[in-house]
Amino acid sequence: MNKLEKKMHEIEHNRLNLQKSELRLREKAEAILKKGFGAGESIPRENVDKLVTELQLHQVELEIQNEELRNAQKEIERSRDRFSTLFNNAPVGYIVMNQDPMIIDVNQTICEMLTKKRSDLIRKPFSEFIEKEDRPIFLSRFKAFFKNPEGKTMKLRLTSQNETFFYAELKGRIQQFDKKFDGNLSDHILISISDITEREEILKREAHIKSVLSAIRKVNQLIVNEKEPVSLIRLVCKTLTQSMGYYNAWIALLDEKGTVTMTASSEFKEDSFIQMQRHLDRIEHPPCMKQALEKESVIVIKNPSEDCPGCPLSHRYAARAGLTRRIESHGKIFGVLSVSVLDIYAFDKEAQDLFGEMARDLGFALHKIEADAILHYYSHILATLPQPMAFLSKDYRYIAVNDVYKEFYELEKEQITGKRPADFVGQDVFEREIKPHLDRCLAGETITYETEITFSGKGKCWMEMTYVPYRNEKEIITGLVSHGLEITAIKQSEKRLTAIIDNTPVGICITDENGIFEQVNPAYCRLYKYDESELIGKHFTIVVPEKSRKILGELHDSFIQGESELRGEWEVVDKNGSLIAIIADAARVIGIDGRPRKVTFVVDITEKKELERLKEDVDRIMRHDLKQPLSAIMGFPFVLSAKGNLDKEQLKILGIIKDAAKNMLKMIDSSLDMFKMETGKYNYQPQQIDALKIIGRIIEQNASLLSMKKISHRIMLNGEPFTKGKYLMVLSEKNLFSSMFSNLIVNAIEASPEENGILIEISEPDLITNEVIIHPRSSTDETTIHPESNTDEAIIHPESSTDETIIHPKSIADEKNIQYKKSNTPKSNKSSISIAIHNKGSVPEEMRKNFFGKYLTHGKKKGTGLGTYSAKLMAKVMGYEIEMETCDETDTTCIRVLIPMRENE
């Protein structure tokens, strides 16, 4: 700009000098003429020649000067053209203004800047083209600027035709211009105008970046000082807006399920963010938040009011853009950070990077708070652990120990850290018993072993030591964690247990989950004729015959998994290959290492099995030898009766012999059946039978016994006396059913005192009675039932309206009787038929607990003690229930059999 002004001054100066030279030359010629000649004088010839010569010379000079002037004029015109070109095409705008300030002249550049024609600017006030807010600034400063513009500048916002503005810098200098400009030769100001919009934006961007950096510094200070997440995010939002870097800010933290757990905001109206919180509580995340949670980059929403119409905060962003970035650290997403910013900075790469860095710093802070809380938690656990724990470096030095550790050595932590285990247990012990395990751990293994260590504070202790490699964030092993568990008491307990096991006469072995022997006692070794060393570490099937190894292996695995019981009799093989019969039982236990084990108890039953086989042989021989002569006895009555000439008495005796032989045969068969029932080999084949008919037949077969003891009997069906023609069909096996009830009824007769009665009470479902009282007849206002001697019917004599009846035999009237009280209250299962046998006389105290036991009898000279036992055994085979009730107060006993109803009954 200075060169152009100098050139303009130089051209103007030459033009003025040329004018002055022409004027001086004319004045000189006129002076010469006036001086040489007076008025009316004649000029001498020589003077005329001299004058002509001089004029010719002067004419030549004038022509030369005119040529120079014409050249000068052309140069001036060319200079003017160049000046006009330079002026109009200058990189800055030029405006010539007077003091008003009115625009006198402009160049093309300023026309383009203002998007105006030259004619639209000339003679117009300059203030018309200044942004309204800046006009007062210009008008207040222009007069001083006009008087002395040197070294002064003004920054204004000038408006263009499309109502946008740009930042302009104005510089001026005073310049005199002739009438061509305003008709007067006066001072004007030449103002150069530069578009500094880009520079201003750079300065503003720098200011924004500085504000953001200031906010980041303050946020980092918060990150260092704040320990609570709620307080941290609140202060971060406040700091981001107060630092003038951002206009609004909000943060939402999430849990692992994506549920918002806490929020914070700044520079929002309270009701606006309450609406936002409601959306977040319903997991209705705004678009910016959804995108930020899905992408790792900064999400820019240029126009939130248009791009996010459903967001409760969109109307609060005004004309600003939104930046959102997820908060994350160490692979965990904690939430999102969102701010509003001028849209000119929203897409600025550096501004985005700084915002993203700040979100990452916040994520690291939240991670650190979380990690510190976990560290505090584990530090508390470490400090309160009842077992010693320590951290060791790769050179075996203690880095940290817990409180329990110092108790073992009776030293303070400071006296332990920095030293090595060898300093406390001795170098020899360290090298021999500790260092090899430490080296394996530092190589990457987790080591667990047991050792006995002498501590200065606790003396000799058995310890279970566990070493775990410690890896840093790069997975490089930098040390190890040592954990000790004192197992002295366990070792002592194991020692006692081992002594017990070793001295137990029963064979005991312990196998691991894979079936490998871990421990065997001497009795086990003696049974199989192996030494302990020959079994430990071997699979248990070493003592199992080849044919049984697969099934026993599968049973072992199933048992270890807790899916079945392993109990029973097996054949095993000893070291010499001899078969042994054993009964084995097992228990599943969990070791202190958490692994399951099987403890097996083995008893040699080889001799017992031999005795059982011998017993079976003897039983078979006895039954065969008894049955053979019995067959001949059974045949004699038929042979004798066939010959005839026998009277009634003789025929009756033959009948008795025949029935006795049959009963004896049944007893022999029953004895065989009993053996099968006891061994679980009985083949039960039920069918429909008439229970009433069988019970009636049993009563007939024992008529002589009833008569001998003067015992009356009565059968009640569903609370009513049994009459001929009734029947009760049940699913059972005839011989088994008959044998069972024969034993029970005979027992009732034998147990009853003389001249009393027995009652057989049969009840179908829902009519089972539960109260029968046997006592001497005491009054006459009752209903008496007298059995007739030659009929199966009972005669009922109503004598009162009571619910009681007296049952007694006609032959022993006025003696002790049976009183029967009706009741419809079930005693047992309503889906079962109940057959109850009542008799006078209670069961002795010493027999009650094991009433159905084998070989148990009382007060019978010829009793075997098998009657109730066999009844219980038969009931079990048939699927019946049997129970005994006795009462000392009423001196009565009841045996009740419950027969379950089946679908076809």
Foldseek 3Di string as FASTA:
>chain_A
DVVLVVLVVVLVVVVVVLVVVVVVVVVVVVVVVPVPDDPPDDDDPVVVVVVVVVVVVVVVVVVVSVVVVVVSVVVSVVSVVVSLVCQQPPQWKKFKAALVGATQFIHNNVCVVQVHDRVVRHRHDPLVFFDPVCSVVCVVCVVVCFVPQPPDKDWTWGHHPVRHTFIKIKGWDWDFDDCVRPHHGDIIIMIIIDGCRVVVVVVVVVVLVVLLVVLLVVLLVLLVPDLDLQVSQQVSQVSNCVSVNFPKKKWFFADPVQQTDDMYIPNDDPVLVVVVVVCRNVVNDWPLQVVQVVDQFKDKAQQQVVVTVPRSCNVVLPNWIKIKHFQADPPDTTTMMMTTHHSVCRPPPVSRVSVSVSSPSSSVSVVVSVVVVVVVVVVVCQQPPCWKKFWAFPVQFTQFIHPNVCLQQVDDGVVRGPDHVCVFQNPVCCVPPPVVQQVVQLVPDWDWDWDWGQHNNPGTFIKTKIKHFDAPPVRHGGTIMIIIDTCRVVVVVVVVVLVVQQPDLWWKFKAFLQQATQDTHVNVCVVQVHDGVVRHRDHPCVFADPVCVVVVSVVSNCVQVVNDFDWAWDWTAHPVGDIFIWTKGWDWDADPVRGIMIMMTIDTCRVVVVVVVVVVVVLVVVLVVVVVVLVVQLCVLVVVVVVDPDDPVRNVVSVVSNVVSVVVNLVSVVVVQLVCLVVVNHDFDWDKDWLVVLLVVLCVVCVVLCVVLVEAEFEAELNHGDFPPDTDIAIGDSSLSSLLVSLVQVVQSVQAHGNEYKYKYKYAFQSAFDDWFWWQDDDDQAWEWEDDDPHSDIDIDHRHDDQKYWYHYPVRPNGTTIIGGGDRDHPDDRQWMKIKMKHAAFDDPVCQVPVLDAQDDPDDPPDRRNSSVSSCSSCVVGVKDWDKDGDPVRRMIMIMIIGGDDPVD
